[in-house]
Amino acid sequence: MSAPTLKIENLKLGFKTHAGVIEVLHGISLHIRKGEKVALVGESGSGKSVTARIVLGMLQSLKTARISGSVSFEGANLERMSARGRHALRGTKMSMIFQDPTSSLNPVYTIGTLFKEVLMRNDPAITQEQVYRKACEALADVAISEPERVLDSYSFQLSGGMNQRVMIAMALVNNPSLLLADEPGTALDVTVQAQTLKLMSELVEKHNTSVLFISHNLGVVREFADRVYVIYKGNIVEQGQTGELFENPLHPYTRALLSAVPRITGGGIPDIAEDPSEFLAPRVAHAGYSEEELLA
């Protein structure tokens, strides 16, 4: 069997502060096979985004960061790779979609210029005509009907949904082996988010791309991911096939996350005449768990 596209083993991360080194990742391990869509879920501050940034090599240059463990990409240990070697992987073999597309796209350059920079990372000799053709094809893939107009536009002239589609198109234009998607729908309304993630799912399946999908939106995760890792305070507390994990969560933190998903029916504002113990009970069902039980 070939090596996983991404394999993380016993990854630890700490930051040096005036009070000493504060550890935020406590030896997490996960893997993603070729063409597999894996979600990393947990509440804000649990360690999802820093994990993706370590994979890309974005924290290694920080003097305050203390990183240990193993991160392998297609069988090669990234920690043993030179800074130049890791830099060469970004935008070519690996790409990332960040949370807020508007702030991630440089507003002083047109979308066409940004596409040229991305494509030149993979092929420095690419011609302007090839850039234009590939960029138009990539934008058409994400259902942008007027790619020529978008390429001549600046990010601030486009809507949030349009910018998110541009980001997805840029991330996939070089056919990367690994896509890191960090809350790609956060800045979008529900309808546009659903459309955009459906397009992204179709594209990664078309190119057999491996995906690490970072989210706290469990509804989206259930529709998108093949497998799920649940992270709590820098610890992987549960993992499994998506359907199985949603139907039969074993860890109390996973059950708490699932019970926190808003429901269209039921719940709501309690009747003021109702016995307080009746409507408080479901809201504090998980409050009795200790830290030791959650991390066990």
C-alpha atoms as a PDB file:
ATOM      1  CA  MET A   1       0.000   0.000   0.000  1.00  0.00           C
ATOM      2  CA  SER A   2       1.339   3.450  -0.897  1.00  0.00           C
ATOM      3  CA  ALA A   3       2.209   5.976   1.801  1.00  0.00           C
ATOM      4  CA  PRO A   4      -0.605   8.297   2.961  1.00  0.00           C
ATOM      5  CA  THR A   5      -0.667  11.729   1.355  1.00  0.00           C
ATOM      6  CA  LEU A   6      -0.374  13.247   4.845  1.00  0.00           C
ATOM      7  CA  LYS A   7       0.700  11.519   8.047  1.00  0.00           C
ATOM      8  CA  ILE A   8       1.064  13.328  11.368  1.00  0.00           C
ATOM      9  CA  GLU A   9       2.501  11.444  14.330  1.00  0.00           C
ATOM     10  CA  ASN A  10       2.755  12.648  17.938  1.00  0.00           C
ATOM     11  CA  LEU A  11       2.734  16.323  16.900  1.00  0.00           C
ATOM     12  CA  LYS A  12       3.317  18.726  19.762  1.00  0.00           C
ATOM     13  CA  LEU A  13       3.334  22.521  19.689  1.00  0.00           C
ATOM     14  CA  GLY A  14       4.184  24.972  22.432  1.00  0.00           C
ATOM     15  CA  PHE A  15       4.764  28.708  22.534  1.00  0.00           C
ATOM     16  CA  LYS A  16       7.433  30.310  24.670  1.00  0.00           C
ATOM     17  CA  THR A  17       5.952  32.998  26.918  1.00  0.00           C
ATOM     18  CA  HIS A  18       7.067  34.989  29.942  1.00  0.00           C
ATOM     19  CA  ALA A  19       5.409  32.286  32.052  1.00  0.00           C
ATOM     20  CA  GLY A  20       7.284  29.463  30.287  1.00  0.00           C
ATOM     21  CA  VAL A  21       6.364  27.217  27.367  1.00  0.00           C
ATOM     22  CA  ILE A  22       2.599  26.843  26.976  1.00  0.00           C
ATOM     23  CA  GLU A  23       1.735  23.650  25.083  1.00  0.00           C
ATOM     24  CA  VAL A  24      -1.243  23.874  22.738  1.00  0.00           C
ATOM     25  CA  LEU A  25      -0.940  20.555  20.834  1.00  0.00           C
ATOM     26  CA  HIS A  26      -0.367  17.465  22.957  1.00  0.00           C
ATOM     27  CA  GLY A  27       0.890  14.757  20.628  1.00  0.00           C
ATOM     28  CA  ILE A  28      -1.826  14.541  17.971  1.00  0.00           C
ATOM     29  CA  SER A  29      -1.724  11.929  15.203  1.00  0.00           C
ATOM     30  CA  LEU A  30      -3.777  11.642  12.012  1.00  0.00           C
ATOM     31  CA  HIS A  31      -3.441  10.485   8.414  1.00  0.00           C
ATOM     32  CA  ILE A  32      -5.106  11.154   5.064  1.00  0.00           C
ATOM     33  CA  ARG A  33      -5.028   8.710   2.172  1.00  0.00           C
ATOM     34  CA  LYS A  34      -4.936   9.646  -1.512  1.00  0.00           C
ATOM     35  CA  GLY A  35      -8.244  11.201  -2.570  1.00  0.00           C
ATOM     36  CA  GLU A  36      -9.667  11.078   0.954  1.00  0.00           C
ATOM     37  CA  LYS A  37     -11.574  13.964   2.557  1.00  0.00           C
ATOM     38  CA  VAL A  38     -10.823  14.109   6.284  1.00  0.00           C
ATOM     39  CA  ALA A  39     -12.325  16.633   8.694  1.00  0.00           C
ATOM     40  CA  LEU A  40     -10.690  17.999  11.846  1.00  0.00           C
ATOM     41  CA  VAL A  41     -13.449  19.351  14.079  1.00  0.00           C
ATOM     42  CA  GLY A  42     -13.586  21.105  17.421  1.00  0.00           C
ATOM     43  CA  GLU A  43     -14.501  24.413  18.980  1.00  0.00           C
ATOM     44  CA  SER A  44     -12.466  27.596  18.431  1.00  0.00           C
ATOM     45  CA  GLY A  45      -9.043  27.467  20.099  1.00  0.00           C
ATOM     46  CA  SER A  46      -8.806  23.678  20.074  1.00  0.00           C
ATOM     47  CA  GLY A  47      -5.764  23.576  17.763  1.00  0.00           C
ATOM     48  CA  LYS A  48      -7.267  23.018  14.304  1.00  0.00           C
ATOM     49  CA  SER A  49      -5.748  25.926  12.371  1.00  0.00           C
ATOM     50  CA  VAL A  50      -2.273  25.726  13.910  1.00  0.00           C
ATOM     51  CA  THR A  51      -2.120  22.078  12.840  1.00  0.00           C
ATOM     52  CA  ALA A  52      -2.670  23.091   9.204  1.00  0.00           C
ATOM     53  CA  ARG A  53      -0.096  25.866   9.475  1.00  0.00           C
ATOM     54  CA  ILE A  54       2.504  23.440  10.807  1.00  0.00           C
ATOM     55  CA  VAL A  55       1.870  21.173   7.809  1.00  0.00           C
ATOM     56  CA  LEU A  56       2.516  24.122   5.491  1.00  0.00           C
ATOM     57  CA  GLY A  57       5.616  25.150   7.455  1.00  0.00           C
ATOM     58  CA  MET A  58       4.181  28.521   8.462  1.00  0.00           C
ATOM     59  CA  LEU A  59       5.120  28.305  12.163  1.00  0.00           C
ATOM     60  CA  GLN A  60       8.600  26.799  11.941  1.00  0.00           C
ATOM     61  CA  SER A  61      10.262  30.204  11.538  1.00  0.00           C
ATOM     62  CA  LEU A  62       8.666  31.619  14.697  1.00  0.00           C
ATOM     63  CA  LYS A  63      11.277  31.916  17.445  1.00  0.00           C
ATOM     64  CA  THR A  64       8.597  31.421  20.101  1.00  0.00           C
ATOM     65  CA  ALA A  65       7.256  28.164  18.593  1.00  0.00           C
ATOM     66  CA  ARG A  66       8.397  24.790  19.930  1.00  0.00           C
ATOM     67  CA  ILE A  67       7.425  21.971  17.538  1.00  0.00           C
ATOM     68  CA  SER A  68       8.134  18.250  17.836  1.00  0.00           C
ATOM     69  CA  GLY A  69       6.797  15.082  16.258  1.00  0.00           C
ATOM     70  CA  SER A  70       6.630  13.905  12.670  1.00  0.00           C
ATOM     71  CA  VAL A  71       4.800  15.362   9.658  1.00  0.00           C
ATOM     72  CA  SER A  72       5.157  13.349   6.430  1.00  0.00           C
ATOM     73  CA  PHE A  73       3.903  14.282   2.981  1.00  0.00           C
ATOM     74  CA  GLU A  74       3.770  11.509   0.377  1.00  0.00           C
ATOM     75  CA  GLY A  75       6.307   9.551   2.433  1.00  0.00           C
ATOM     76  CA  ALA A  76       8.795  12.433   2.855  1.00  0.00           C
ATOM     77  CA  ASN A  77       9.427  13.795   6.368  1.00  0.00           C
ATOM     78  CA  LEU A  78       8.736  17.530   6.164  1.00  0.00           C
ATOM     79  CA  GLU A  79      10.639  18.258   9.366  1.00  0.00           C
ATOM     80  CA  ARG A  80      13.859  17.075   7.693  1.00  0.00           C
ATOM     81  CA  MET A  81      13.213  19.113   4.554  1.00  0.00           C
ATOM     82  CA  SER A  82      14.951  22.470   4.013  1.00  0.00           C
ATOM     83  CA  ALA A  83      12.977  25.703   4.226  1.00  0.00           C
ATOM     84  CA  ARG A  84      13.449  26.134   0.481  1.00  0.00           C
ATOM     85  CA  GLY A  85      12.130  22.621  -0.160  1.00  0.00           C
ATOM     86  CA  ARG A  86       9.008  23.194   1.914  1.00  0.00           C
ATOM     87  CA  HIS A  87       8.470  26.568   0.271  1.00  0.00           C
ATOM     88  CA  ALA A  88       8.533  24.878  -3.139  1.00  0.00           C
ATOM     89  CA  LEU A  89       5.666  22.583  -2.088  1.00  0.00           C
ATOM     90  CA  ARG A  90       3.333  25.443  -1.137  1.00  0.00           C
ATOM     91  CA  GLY A  91       1.018  26.407  -3.955  1.00  0.00           C
ATOM     92  CA  THR A  92       2.091  23.436  -6.056  1.00  0.00           C
ATOM     93  CA  LYS A  93       1.845  20.089  -4.246  1.00  0.00           C
ATOM     94  CA  MET A  94       0.056  21.629  -1.246  1.00  0.00           C
ATOM     95  CA  SER A  95      -2.408  24.499  -1.150  1.00  0.00           C
ATOM     96  CA  MET A  96      -4.620  26.137   1.419  1.00  0.00           C
ATOM     97  CA  ILE A  97      -7.955  27.930   1.525  1.00  0.00           C
ATOM     98  CA  PHE A  98      -8.049  30.404   4.412  1.00  0.00           C
ATOM     99  CA  GLN A  99     -11.069  31.426   6.477  1.00  0.00           C
ATOM    100  CA  ASP A 100     -11.661  34.926   5.112  1.00  0.00           C
ATOM    101  CA  PRO A 101     -11.160  35.128   1.334  1.00  0.00           C
ATOM    102  CA  THR A 102     -11.458  38.919   1.198  1.00  0.00           C
ATOM    103  CA  SER A 103      -8.515  39.477   3.550  1.00  0.00           C
ATOM    104  CA  SER A 104      -6.500  36.647   1.958  1.00  0.00           C
ATOM    105  CA  LEU A 105      -6.549  38.136  -1.549  1.00  0.00           C
ATOM    106  CA  ASN A 106      -4.188  41.096  -2.043  1.00  0.00           C
ATOM    107  CA  PRO A 107      -6.451  44.083  -2.871  1.00  0.00           C
ATOM    108  CA  VAL A 108      -3.799  46.018  -4.832  1.00  0.00           C
ATOM    109  CA  TYR A 109      -3.549  43.366  -7.568  1.00  0.00           C
ATOM    110  CA  THR A 110      -6.193  42.146  -9.983  1.00  0.00           C
ATOM    111  CA  ILE A 111      -7.443  38.566  -9.728  1.00  0.00           C
ATOM    112  CA  GLY A 112      -5.657  37.880 -13.022  1.00  0.00           C
ATOM    113  CA  THR A 113      -2.313  38.995 -11.566  1.00  0.00           C
ATOM    114  CA  LEU A 114      -2.837  36.818  -8.487  1.00  0.00           C
ATOM    115  CA  PHE A 115      -3.601  33.828 -10.714  1.00  0.00           C
ATOM    116  CA  LYS A 116      -0.388  34.470 -12.641  1.00  0.00           C
ATOM    117  CA  GLU A 117       1.647  34.352  -9.419  1.00  0.00           C
ATOM    118  CA  VAL A 118       0.066  31.032  -8.446  1.00  0.00           C
ATOM    119  CA  LEU A 119       0.578  29.451 -11.870  1.00  0.00           C
ATOM    120  CA  MET A 120       4.177  30.659 -12.108  1.00  0.00           C
ATOM    121  CA  ARG A 121       5.018  28.810  -8.897  1.00  0.00           C
ATOM    122  CA  ASN A 122       4.293  25.585 -10.748  1.00  0.00           C
ATOM    123  CA  ASP A 123       5.698  26.678 -14.125  1.00  0.00           C
ATOM    124  CA  PRO A 124       7.965  29.768 -14.159  1.00  0.00           C
ATOM    125  CA  ALA A 125       8.074  29.706 -17.977  1.00  0.00           C
ATOM    126  CA  ILE A 126       4.289  29.837 -18.408  1.00  0.00           C
ATOM    127  CA  THR A 127       3.125  32.379 -20.989  1.00  0.00           C
ATOM    128  CA  GLN A 128       0.551  35.117 -20.468  1.00  0.00           C
ATOM    129  CA  GLU A 129      -1.774  33.343 -22.909  1.00  0.00           C
ATOM    130  CA  GLN A 130      -1.508  30.088 -20.950  1.00  0.00           C
ATOM    131  CA  VAL A 131      -2.124  31.933 -17.676  1.00  0.00           C
ATOM    132  CA  TYR A 132      -5.278  33.502 -19.091  1.00  0.00           C
ATOM    133  CA  ARG A 133      -6.575  30.195 -20.471  1.00  0.00           C
ATOM    134  CA  LYS A 134      -5.885  28.195 -17.289  1.00  0.00           C
ATOM    135  CA  ALA A 135      -7.337  30.920 -15.057  1.00  0.00           C
ATOM    136  CA  CYS A 136     -10.527  31.106 -17.129  1.00  0.00           C
ATOM    137  CA  GLU A 137     -10.880  27.311 -16.996  1.00  0.00           C
ATOM    138  CA  ALA A 138     -10.340  27.285 -13.227  1.00  0.00           C
ATOM    139  CA  LEU A 139     -12.941  30.013 -12.650  1.00  0.00           C
ATOM    140  CA  ALA A 140     -15.408  28.230 -14.920  1.00  0.00           C
ATOM    141  CA  ASP A 141     -14.902  25.097 -12.793  1.00  0.00           C
ATOM    142  CA  VAL A 142     -16.240  26.987  -9.764  1.00  0.00           C
ATOM    143  CA  ALA A 143     -19.308  28.159 -11.717  1.00  0.00           C
ATOM    144  CA  ILE A 144     -18.153  31.731 -12.405  1.00  0.00           C
ATOM    145  CA  SER A 145     -19.972  32.636 -15.607  1.00  0.00           C
ATOM    146  CA  GLU A 146     -17.894  35.712 -16.530  1.00  0.00           C
ATOM    147  CA  PRO A 147     -14.274  34.701 -15.833  1.00  0.00           C
ATOM    148  CA  GLU A 148     -12.841  37.429 -18.068  1.00  0.00           C
ATOM    149  CA  ARG A 149     -14.538  40.159 -16.023  1.00  0.00           C
ATOM    150  CA  VAL A 150     -13.452  38.589 -12.733  1.00  0.00           C
ATOM    151  CA  LEU A 151      -9.800  38.353 -13.863  1.00  0.00           C
ATOM    152  CA  ASP A 152      -9.820  42.106 -14.559  1.00  0.00           C
ATOM    153  CA  SER A 153     -11.369  42.851 -11.146  1.00  0.00           C
ATOM    154  CA  TYR A 154      -9.873  43.497  -7.707  1.00  0.00           C
ATOM    155  CA  SER A 155     -11.009  41.473  -4.706  1.00  0.00           C
ATOM    156  CA  PHE A 156     -12.826  44.444  -3.142  1.00  0.00           C
ATOM    157  CA  GLN A 157     -14.981  44.683  -6.279  1.00  0.00           C
ATOM    158  CA  LEU A 158     -16.294  41.152  -5.781  1.00  0.00           C
ATOM    159  CA  SER A 159     -18.737  39.673  -3.279  1.00  0.00           C
ATOM    160  CA  GLY A 160     -17.638  37.401  -0.434  1.00  0.00           C
ATOM    161  CA  GLY A 161     -19.059  34.364  -2.219  1.00  0.00           C
ATOM    162  CA  MET A 162     -17.258  35.273  -5.447  1.00  0.00           C
ATOM    163  CA  ASN A 163     -13.961  35.772  -3.598  1.00  0.00           C
ATOM    164  CA  GLN A 164     -14.376  32.384  -1.922  1.00  0.00           C
ATOM    165  CA  ARG A 165     -14.847  30.724  -5.313  1.00  0.00           C
ATOM    166  CA  VAL A 166     -11.769  32.535  -6.605  1.00  0.00           C
ATOM    167  CA  MET A 167      -9.776  31.210  -3.615  1.00  0.00           C
ATOM    168  CA  ILE A 168     -10.941  27.651  -4.281  1.00  0.00           C
ATOM    169  CA  ALA A 169     -10.078  27.986  -7.971  1.00  0.00           C
ATOM    170  CA  MET A 170      -6.589  29.299  -7.124  1.00  0.00           C
ATOM    171  CA  ALA A 171      -6.018  26.559  -4.568  1.00  0.00           C
ATOM    172  CA  LEU A 172      -6.849  23.835  -7.096  1.00  0.00           C
ATOM    173  CA  VAL A 173      -5.478  25.328 -10.346  1.00  0.00           C
ATOM    174  CA  ASN A 174      -2.107  23.532  -9.991  1.00  0.00           C
ATOM    175  CA  ASN A 175      -3.793  20.187  -9.152  1.00  0.00           C
ATOM    176  CA  PRO A 176      -2.232  19.831  -5.668  1.00  0.00           C
ATOM    177  CA  SER A 177      -1.983  16.463  -3.952  1.00  0.00           C
ATOM    178  CA  LEU A 178      -3.145  17.989  -0.647  1.00  0.00           C
ATOM    179  CA  LEU A 179      -5.680  20.734   0.007  1.00  0.00           C
ATOM    180  CA  LEU A 180      -5.936  22.307   3.464  1.00  0.00           C
ATOM    181  CA  ALA A 181      -9.315  24.008   3.815  1.00  0.00           C
ATOM    182  CA  ASP A 182      -9.584  26.135   6.969  1.00  0.00           C
ATOM    183  CA  GLU A 183     -13.234  27.040   7.590  1.00  0.00           C
ATOM    184  CA  PRO A 184     -13.734  27.860   3.879  1.00  0.00           C
ATOM    185  CA  GLY A 185     -17.368  28.835   4.383  1.00  0.00           C
ATOM    186  CA  THR A 186     -17.059  31.044   7.474  1.00  0.00           C
ATOM    187  CA  ALA A 187     -17.461  34.347   5.604  1.00  0.00           C
ATOM    188  CA  LEU A 188     -20.421  33.155   3.522  1.00  0.00           C
ATOM    189  CA  ASP A 189     -24.151  33.042   4.080  1.00  0.00           C
ATOM    190  CA  VAL A 190     -25.709  29.590   4.390  1.00  0.00           C
ATOM    191  CA  THR A 191     -26.947  29.302   0.794  1.00  0.00           C
ATOM    192  CA  VAL A 192     -23.702  30.448  -0.845  1.00  0.00           C
ATOM    193  CA  GLN A 193     -21.708  28.280   1.584  1.00  0.00           C
ATOM    194  CA  ALA A 194     -23.602  25.149   0.564  1.00  0.00           C
ATOM    195  CA  GLN A 195     -23.146  25.885  -3.145  1.00  0.00           C
ATOM    196  CA  THR A 196     -19.445  26.673  -2.751  1.00  0.00           C
ATOM    197  CA  LEU A 197     -18.627  23.570  -0.703  1.00  0.00           C
ATOM    198  CA  LYS A 198     -20.531  21.379  -3.153  1.00  0.00           C
ATOM    199  CA  LEU A 199     -18.390  22.767  -5.974  1.00  0.00           C
ATOM    200  CA  MET A 200     -15.218  22.218  -3.948  1.00  0.00           C
ATOM    201  CA  SER A 201     -16.224  18.635  -3.219  1.00  0.00           C
ATOM    202  CA  GLU A 202     -16.824  17.951  -6.916  1.00  0.00           C
ATOM    203  CA  LEU A 203     -13.462  19.446  -7.879  1.00  0.00           C
ATOM    204  CA  VAL A 204     -11.374  17.517  -5.346  1.00  0.00           C
ATOM    205  CA  GLU A 205     -13.070  14.295  -6.410  1.00  0.00           C
ATOM    206  CA  LYS A 206     -12.372  15.143 -10.055  1.00  0.00           C
ATOM    207  CA  HIS A 207      -8.636  15.581  -9.350  1.00  0.00           C
ATOM    208  CA  ASN A 208      -8.423  12.848  -6.652  1.00  0.00           C
ATOM    209  CA  THR A 209      -7.097  15.440  -4.199  1.00  0.00           C
ATOM    210  CA  SER A 210      -6.609  14.646  -0.507  1.00  0.00           C
ATOM    211  CA  VAL A 211      -8.294  17.171   1.802  1.00  0.00           C
ATOM    212  CA  LEU A 212      -7.858  18.207   5.419  1.00  0.00           C
ATOM    213  CA  PHE A 213     -11.117  20.050   6.101  1.00  0.00           C
ATOM    214  CA  ILE A 214     -11.039  22.195   9.242  1.00  0.00           C
ATOM    215  CA  SER A 215     -14.391  23.203  10.644  1.00  0.00           C
ATOM    216  CA  HIS A 216     -16.671  23.544  13.631  1.00  0.00           C
ATOM    217  CA  ASN A 217     -19.736  23.289  11.395  1.00  0.00           C
ATOM    218  CA  LEU A 218     -20.776  19.684  11.909  1.00  0.00           C
ATOM    219  CA  GLY A 219     -23.620  19.878   9.421  1.00  0.00           C
ATOM    220  CA  VAL A 220     -21.173  20.716   6.632  1.00  0.00           C
ATOM    221  CA  VAL A 221     -18.704  18.072   7.859  1.00  0.00           C
ATOM    222  CA  ARG A 222     -21.349  15.353   7.722  1.00  0.00           C
ATOM    223  CA  GLU A 223     -22.040  16.149   4.064  1.00  0.00           C
ATOM    224  CA  PHE A 224     -18.409  16.650   2.997  1.00  0.00           C
ATOM    225  CA  ALA A 225     -16.014  14.367   4.870  1.00  0.00           C
ATOM    226  CA  ASP A 226     -15.215  10.650   4.584  1.00  0.00           C
ATOM    227  CA  ARG A 227     -13.641  10.486   8.056  1.00  0.00           C
ATOM    228  CA  VAL A 228     -13.583  12.759  11.090  1.00  0.00           C
ATOM    229  CA  TYR A 229     -11.042  13.529  13.825  1.00  0.00           C
ATOM    230  CA  VAL A 230     -12.367  15.332  16.910  1.00  0.00           C
ATOM    231  CA  ILE A 231      -9.873  17.624  18.661  1.00  0.00           C
ATOM    232  CA  TYR A 232     -10.316  19.025  22.167  1.00  0.00           C
ATOM    233  CA  LYS A 233      -7.732  21.308  23.809  1.00  0.00           C
ATOM    234  CA  GLY A 234      -4.959  20.058  21.532  1.00  0.00           C
ATOM    235  CA  ASN A 235      -5.844  16.361  21.913  1.00  0.00           C
ATOM    236  CA  ILE A 236      -7.464  14.001  19.397  1.00  0.00           C
ATOM    237  CA  VAL A 237     -10.218  12.487  21.519  1.00  0.00           C
ATOM    238  CA  GLU A 238     -12.121  10.496  18.876  1.00  0.00           C
ATOM    239  CA  GLN A 239     -11.904   9.495  15.233  1.00  0.00           C
ATOM    240  CA  GLY A 240     -13.947   7.407  12.840  1.00  0.00           C
ATOM    241  CA  GLN A 241     -15.939   7.144   9.628  1.00  0.00           C
ATOM    242  CA  THR A 242     -18.257  10.132   9.351  1.00  0.00           C
ATOM    243  CA  GLY A 243     -21.565   8.245   9.364  1.00  0.00           C
ATOM    244  CA  GLU A 244     -20.526   5.999  12.228  1.00  0.00           C
ATOM    245  CA  LEU A 245     -19.187   8.847  14.363  1.00  0.00           C
ATOM    246  CA  PHE A 246     -22.337  10.919  13.910  1.00  0.00           C
ATOM    247  CA  GLU A 247     -24.631   7.997  14.616  1.00  0.00           C
ATOM    248  CA  ASN A 248     -22.699   6.591  17.577  1.00  0.00           C
ATOM    249  CA  PRO A 249     -20.333   9.150  19.168  1.00  0.00           C
ATOM    250  CA  LEU A 250     -18.320   7.537  21.964  1.00  0.00           C
ATOM    251  CA  HIS A 251     -16.539  10.444  23.634  1.00  0.00           C
ATOM    252  CA  PRO A 252     -18.501  12.880  25.838  1.00  0.00           C
ATOM    253  CA  TYR A 253     -16.933  15.873  24.055  1.00  0.00           C
ATOM    254  CA  THR A 254     -18.086  14.545  20.663  1.00  0.00           C
ATOM    255  CA  ARG A 255     -21.577  14.039  22.069  1.00  0.00           C
ATOM    256  CA  ALA A 256     -21.496  17.592  23.446  1.00  0.00           C
ATOM    257  CA  LEU A 257     -20.500  18.982  20.030  1.00  0.00           C
ATOM    258  CA  LEU A 258     -23.268  17.091  18.282  1.00  0.00           C
ATOM    259  CA  SER A 259     -25.864  18.136  20.829  1.00  0.00           C
ATOM    260  CA  ALA A 260     -24.854  21.774  20.288  1.00  0.00           C
ATOM    261  CA  VAL A 261     -25.808  21.687  16.589  1.00  0.00           C
ATOM    262  CA  PRO A 262     -28.816  24.038  16.117  1.00  0.00           C
ATOM    263  CA  ARG A 263     -32.047  22.250  15.301  1.00  0.00           C
ATOM    264  CA  ILE A 264     -34.729  23.684  13.046  1.00  0.00           C
ATOM    265  CA  THR A 265     -37.426  22.134  15.230  1.00  0.00           C
ATOM    266  CA  GLY A 266     -37.574  21.740  18.984  1.00  0.00           C
ATOM    267  CA  GLY A 267     -35.708  23.727  21.608  1.00  0.00           C
ATOM    268  CA  GLY A 268     -36.180  27.476  21.362  1.00  0.00           C
ATOM    269  CA  ILE A 269     -37.054  29.905  24.130  1.00  0.00           C
ATOM    270  CA  PRO A 270     -38.548  28.105  27.161  1.00  0.00           C
ATOM    271  CA  ASP A 271     -42.035  28.877  28.404  1.00  0.00           C
ATOM    272  CA  ILE A 272     -41.741  31.250  31.370  1.00  0.00           C
ATOM    273  CA  ALA A 273     -44.440  29.269  33.156  1.00  0.00           C
ATOM    274  CA  GLU A 274     -42.523  25.999  32.762  1.00  0.00           C
ATOM    275  CA  ASP A 275     -40.688  24.412  35.683  1.00  0.00           C
ATOM    276  CA  PRO A 276     -37.071  25.741  35.360  1.00  0.00           C
ATOM    277  CA  SER A 277     -35.631  22.302  36.051  1.00  0.00           C
ATOM    278  CA  GLU A 278     -37.418  20.971  32.963  1.00  0.00           C
ATOM    279  CA  PHE A 279     -35.786  23.334  30.460  1.00  0.00           C
ATOM    280  CA  LEU A 280     -32.412  23.683  32.197  1.00  0.00           C
ATOM    281  CA  ALA A 281     -31.662  19.951  32.210  1.00  0.00           C
ATOM    282  CA  PRO A 282     -30.972  19.486  28.470  1.00  0.00           C
ATOM    283  CA  ARG A 283     -28.882  22.681  28.356  1.00  0.00           C
ATOM    284  CA  VAL A 284     -26.458  21.485  31.025  1.00  0.00           C
ATOM    285  CA  ALA A 285     -26.442  17.791  30.162  1.00  0.00           C
ATOM    286  CA  HIS A 286     -22.683  17.760  29.704  1.00  0.00           C
ATOM    287  CA  ALA A 287     -21.717  20.162  32.465  1.00  0.00           C
ATOM    288  CA  GLY A 288     -20.990  17.319  34.893  1.00  0.00           C
ATOM    289  CA  TYR A 289     -17.949  16.013  32.988  1.00  0.00           C
ATOM    290  CA  SER A 290     -14.547  16.759  34.465  1.00  0.00           C
ATOM    291  CA  GLU A 291     -11.447  17.651  32.404  1.00  0.00           C
ATOM    292  CA  GLU A 292     -10.025  14.199  33.161  1.00  0.00           C
ATOM    293  CA  GLU A 293     -13.122  12.494  31.763  1.00  0.00           C
ATOM    294  CA  LEU A 294     -13.112  14.641  28.612  1.00  0.00           C
ATOM    295  CA  LEU A 295      -9.437  13.944  27.895  1.00  0.00           C
ATOM    296  CA  ALA A 296      -9.528  10.252  28.857  1.00  0.00           C
END
